[in-house]
Amino acid sequence: MNYTEDFLLNKRVKVLQPNDGYRASIDAVVLASMLKKIKKSQKVLDVGSGTGAVSLCIAKRFEDYNLDIHGLEIQESLCELSNKSAKLNNFDNLKYHNVNIKEKIKSIEANSFDHVVSNPPYAANDFASPNPSKARAHNESELDLHSWIKFCLKMLKQKGMFYMINRVERLDDIIKACHGKTGAIEIIPIYSKPSDVEAKRVLVIAQKDVKTPLKINKGFYMHEEDLSYSSKANDILLNAKSFWD
């Protein structure tokens, strides 16, 4: 595979990505900034890891925490690139597995992770890209969103934390999938710029096996009106800060 060596977090992280295929967006970096209640030596799982952008950023942000981080990716070529990226960054605690989450996975255990993050395929009914890798990454060809979330929650320990980014129109499906299995759900709308009336993306955080009520947090915007990054986006994308800072 022909690939490029790209950078995340203002060149703090190197990521290998195919020239012609799925490439990570800023959504991955934003999602990686959402982790909270992190403790040393905990286990983190990135479901649908793609080129590894989410988990690579997590590994960098918490490089002194001795986390045990794993990624699951169905596309073998992307998985191989991700493992090369992990080595390139000297992240010995980060490993990617080429698996199909519809099937039994022997390399990792259910109910064993403290944090599960996922940037799943967004599109349920969109026309698929003619590029097979992009189509597989962006369209629900393998698993619907409800089943995807069900798998993520199965991998979590009791009271483990789940994090997802998706389109706003999928929020109803996400809440239904989490209902009865999680609590402490937090919804954070993402706007493109301050003048936008409607959010395009949404971040969802939930905790397994708790009863705390749902809440909607104040949204944030990625760009100023002149399309430069907002100060919040700059902190996340360039300064490697947590969303919660």
Protein backbone atom coordinates (compact mmCIF):
# COMPACT_ATOMS: atom_id res chain seq x y z
CA MET A 1 0.00 0.00 0.00
CA ASN A 2 1.22 3.50 -0.83
CA TYR A 3 0.95 5.72 2.21
CA THR A 4 1.92 9.10 3.59
CA GLU A 5 3.46 10.03 6.93
CA ASP A 6 1.21 12.63 8.48
CA PHE A 7 1.07 14.38 11.84
CA LEU A 8 -1.44 14.98 14.61
CA LEU A 9 -1.40 17.20 17.71
CA ASN A 10 0.95 19.74 16.14
CA LYS A 11 3.52 17.10 15.11
CA ARG A 12 3.52 15.34 18.47
CA VAL A 13 2.14 12.18 16.81
CA LYS A 14 3.03 10.55 13.49
CA VAL A 15 0.34 8.62 11.64
CA LEU A 16 0.69 6.56 8.47
CA GLN A 17 -2.31 6.81 6.13
CA PRO A 18 -3.07 5.42 2.67
CA ASN A 19 -2.68 7.76 -0.29
CA ASP A 20 -5.94 6.51 -1.75
CA GLY A 21 -8.28 5.26 0.95
CA TYR A 22 -9.64 6.07 4.38
CA ARG A 23 -7.85 8.95 6.13
CA ALA A 24 -8.60 10.28 9.60
CA SER A 25 -10.47 13.54 10.15
CA ILE A 26 -10.33 16.00 13.03
CA ASP A 27 -13.27 14.11 14.57
CA ALA A 28 -10.75 11.48 15.70
CA VAL A 29 -8.61 14.02 17.55
CA VAL A 30 -11.65 15.60 19.21
CA LEU A 31 -12.89 12.18 20.34
CA ALA A 32 -9.48 11.36 21.83
CA SER A 33 -9.69 14.52 23.94
CA MET A 34 -12.91 13.40 25.64
CA LEU A 35 -11.52 10.74 27.96
CA LYS A 36 -12.10 11.53 31.62
CA LYS A 37 -11.59 9.78 34.97
CA ILE A 38 -8.41 8.19 33.62
CA LYS A 39 -6.28 6.29 36.10
CA LYS A 40 -2.83 4.80 35.63
CA SER A 41 -2.56 1.29 34.13
CA GLN A 42 -6.16 1.25 32.93
CA LYS A 43 -7.26 -0.48 29.72
CA VAL A 44 -8.56 1.45 26.71
CA LEU A 45 -10.22 0.06 23.56
CA ASP A 46 -10.64 1.86 20.21
CA VAL A 47 -13.41 0.14 18.22
CA GLY A 48 -13.19 0.67 14.47
CA SER A 49 -9.74 2.19 14.80
CA GLY A 50 -9.16 2.98 11.11
CA THR A 51 -5.68 4.47 10.73
CA GLY A 52 -5.33 4.59 14.52
CA ALA A 53 -5.71 8.35 14.96
CA VAL A 54 -7.94 8.18 18.06
CA SER A 55 -5.81 5.71 20.01
CA LEU A 56 -2.52 7.24 18.87
CA CYS A 57 -3.65 10.59 20.29
CA ILE A 58 -4.79 8.92 23.51
CA ALA A 59 -1.42 7.15 23.83
CA LYS A 60 0.37 10.49 23.46
CA ARG A 61 -1.86 12.47 25.81
CA PHE A 62 -1.50 9.83 28.53
CA GLU A 63 2.01 8.59 27.79
CA ASP A 64 2.95 8.71 31.49
CA TYR A 65 -0.08 6.66 32.59
CA ASN A 66 1.12 3.21 31.47
CA LEU A 67 -2.23 2.55 29.79
CA ASP A 68 -2.91 -0.75 28.02
CA ILE A 69 -4.43 0.39 24.70
CA HIS A 70 -5.92 -1.77 21.95
CA GLY A 71 -7.55 -1.00 18.61
CA LEU A 72 -9.90 -3.17 16.57
CA GLU A 73 -10.01 -2.75 12.78
CA ILE A 74 -11.63 -4.90 10.11
CA GLN A 75 -9.44 -3.70 7.22
CA GLU A 76 -6.16 -5.60 7.34
CA SER A 77 -4.19 -2.93 5.45
CA LEU A 78 -5.28 -0.19 7.88
CA CYS A 79 -4.49 -2.40 10.85
CA GLU A 80 -0.97 -3.02 9.52
CA LEU A 81 -0.40 0.71 9.02
CA SER A 82 -1.69 1.45 12.53
CA ASN A 83 0.73 -1.00 14.12
CA LYS A 84 3.56 0.60 12.12
CA SER A 85 2.43 4.01 13.40
CA ALA A 86 2.47 2.74 16.99
CA LYS A 87 6.06 1.56 16.54
CA LEU A 88 7.02 4.80 14.81
CA ASN A 89 5.82 6.71 17.87
CA ASN A 90 7.41 4.24 20.33
CA PHE A 91 4.01 3.41 21.81
CA ASP A 92 4.81 -0.07 23.10
CA ASN A 93 1.56 -0.10 25.06
CA LEU A 94 -0.60 0.22 21.91
CA LYS A 95 -1.62 -2.75 19.75
CA TYR A 96 -4.07 -3.08 16.85
CA HIS A 97 -6.00 -6.25 16.03
CA ASN A 98 -7.37 -7.16 12.60
CA VAL A 99 -10.82 -8.51 13.54
CA ASN A 100 -14.47 -8.43 12.58
CA ILE A 101 -16.50 -7.45 15.64
CA LYS A 102 -19.43 -9.51 14.35
CA GLU A 103 -17.37 -12.60 15.08
CA LYS A 104 -15.92 -14.07 18.27
CA ILE A 105 -12.67 -12.29 19.16
CA LYS A 106 -10.04 -14.35 20.94
CA SER A 107 -7.30 -11.73 21.30
CA ILE A 108 -9.18 -9.55 23.85
CA GLU A 109 -11.70 -10.21 26.61
CA ALA A 110 -15.19 -8.81 27.06
CA ASN A 111 -15.99 -6.84 30.23
CA SER A 112 -12.30 -6.00 30.65
CA PHE A 113 -11.87 -2.36 29.52
CA ASP A 114 -12.12 0.78 31.61
CA HIS A 115 -12.70 3.03 28.58
CA VAL A 116 -14.09 2.28 25.12
CA VAL A 117 -13.96 4.90 22.36
CA SER A 118 -15.46 4.66 18.90
CA ASN A 119 -15.69 6.75 15.75
CA PRO A 120 -17.95 4.36 13.82
CA PRO A 121 -19.22 4.47 10.24
CA TYR A 122 -21.59 7.46 10.12
CA ALA A 123 -23.69 6.69 7.08
CA ALA A 124 -26.73 4.42 7.21
CA ASN A 125 -28.22 5.30 3.82
CA ASP A 126 -25.67 7.49 2.03
CA PHE A 127 -24.31 6.52 -1.36
CA ALA A 128 -21.10 4.61 -0.81
CA SER A 129 -17.76 5.93 -2.05
CA PRO A 130 -16.38 4.15 -5.14
CA ASN A 131 -13.22 3.63 -3.09
CA PRO A 132 -13.74 0.32 -1.23
CA SER A 133 -11.69 1.34 1.80
CA LYS A 134 -13.56 4.63 2.25
CA ALA A 135 -16.93 2.93 1.70
CA ARG A 136 -16.19 0.33 4.34
CA ALA A 137 -15.05 2.97 6.82
CA HIS A 138 -17.92 5.44 6.26
CA ASN A 139 -20.97 3.24 5.52
CA GLU A 140 -22.77 0.73 7.72
CA SER A 141 -21.99 -2.21 5.47
CA GLU A 142 -20.83 -4.60 8.20
CA LEU A 143 -22.89 -3.73 11.28
CA ASP A 144 -25.69 -1.32 12.14
CA LEU A 145 -25.10 1.34 14.77
CA HIS A 146 -27.18 -0.38 17.46
CA SER A 147 -25.15 -3.59 17.14
CA TRP A 148 -21.92 -1.59 17.07
CA ILE A 149 -22.76 0.14 20.36
CA LYS A 150 -23.92 -3.14 21.89
CA PHE A 151 -20.47 -4.58 21.18
CA CYS A 152 -18.71 -1.53 22.67
CA LEU A 153 -20.72 -1.78 25.89
CA LYS A 154 -20.06 -5.52 26.12
CA MET A 155 -16.31 -4.83 26.17
CA LEU A 156 -16.60 -2.43 29.12
CA LYS A 157 -16.14 -3.29 32.76
CA GLN A 158 -18.95 -2.38 35.14
CA LYS A 159 -18.97 1.43 35.49
CA GLY A 160 -16.57 1.72 32.55
CA MET A 161 -16.76 4.81 30.30
CA PHE A 162 -18.00 4.86 26.69
CA TYR A 163 -17.27 7.68 24.22
CA MET A 164 -18.62 8.16 20.68
CA ILE A 165 -18.76 10.84 18.00
CA ASN A 166 -21.39 10.74 15.28
CA ARG A 167 -23.83 12.78 13.22
CA VAL A 168 -26.57 14.58 15.13
CA GLU A 169 -29.26 12.69 13.24
CA ARG A 170 -27.98 9.41 14.73
CA LEU A 171 -28.47 10.61 18.30
CA ASP A 172 -31.85 8.89 18.64
CA ASP A 173 -30.30 5.55 17.66
CA ILE A 174 -27.39 6.06 20.07
CA ILE A 175 -29.66 6.84 23.04
CA LYS A 176 -31.85 3.81 22.28
CA ALA A 177 -28.80 1.54 22.15
CA CYS A 178 -27.53 2.89 25.48
CA HIS A 179 -30.92 2.81 27.24
CA GLY A 180 -31.03 0.45 30.21
CA LYS A 181 -27.34 -0.38 29.90
CA THR A 182 -25.74 2.96 30.76
CA GLY A 183 -26.37 6.12 32.72
CA ALA A 184 -24.61 9.44 33.27
CA ILE A 185 -25.07 10.10 29.55
CA GLU A 186 -23.61 13.43 28.44
CA ILE A 187 -24.47 14.93 25.06
CA ILE A 188 -22.22 17.63 23.61
CA PRO A 189 -23.23 19.26 20.28
CA ILE A 190 -20.45 20.32 17.90
CA TYR A 191 -21.07 23.35 15.68
CA SER A 192 -19.00 24.36 12.70
CA LYS A 193 -19.01 28.09 13.63
CA PRO A 194 -20.74 30.44 16.13
CA SER A 195 -23.48 31.57 13.75
CA ASP A 196 -24.67 28.01 13.05
CA VAL A 197 -28.16 27.29 14.35
CA GLU A 198 -27.86 23.51 14.06
CA ALA A 199 -25.03 21.25 15.18
CA LYS A 200 -23.68 18.74 12.66
CA ARG A 201 -21.85 16.38 15.02
CA VAL A 202 -22.50 15.18 18.53
CA LEU A 203 -20.29 13.68 21.21
CA VAL A 204 -21.88 11.15 23.54
CA ILE A 205 -20.37 9.93 26.78
CA ALA A 206 -21.99 7.23 28.93
CA GLN A 207 -21.10 5.08 31.92
CA LYS A 208 -22.01 1.40 32.05
CA ASP A 209 -24.37 0.12 34.76
CA VAL A 210 -25.14 3.41 36.51
CA LYS A 211 -28.47 5.24 36.92
CA THR A 212 -27.37 8.89 36.82
CA PRO A 213 -29.71 10.98 34.61
CA LEU A 214 -28.82 12.20 31.12
CA LYS A 215 -27.66 15.78 30.62
CA ILE A 216 -26.97 18.01 27.63
CA ASN A 217 -23.78 20.04 27.94
CA LYS A 218 -23.02 23.35 26.31
CA GLY A 219 -21.93 22.82 22.72
CA PHE A 220 -18.75 24.12 21.19
CA TYR A 221 -17.76 25.31 17.73
CA MET A 222 -14.76 24.23 15.68
CA HIS A 223 -14.20 27.43 13.68
CA GLU A 224 -14.59 31.16 13.99
CA GLU A 225 -16.65 32.97 11.36
CA ASP A 226 -13.51 33.46 9.24
CA LEU A 227 -13.06 29.64 9.33
CA SER A 228 -9.91 29.78 11.47
CA TYR A 229 -9.95 27.31 14.36
CA SER A 230 -11.66 28.44 17.55
CA SER A 231 -9.54 28.71 20.71
CA LYS A 232 -11.17 25.50 22.01
CA ALA A 233 -10.37 23.66 18.80
CA ASN A 234 -6.80 24.97 18.86
CA ASP A 235 -6.35 23.66 22.39
CA ILE A 236 -7.60 20.21 21.38
CA LEU A 237 -6.07 19.84 17.92
CA LEU A 238 -2.74 21.64 18.35
CA ASN A 239 -2.03 21.91 22.07
CA ALA A 240 -3.04 18.33 22.93
CA LYS A 241 -5.32 19.52 25.73
CA SER A 242 -8.25 17.62 27.15
CA PHE A 243 -11.72 18.79 26.14
CA TRP A 244 -12.38 19.26 29.86
CA ASP A 245 -9.47 21.66 30.47
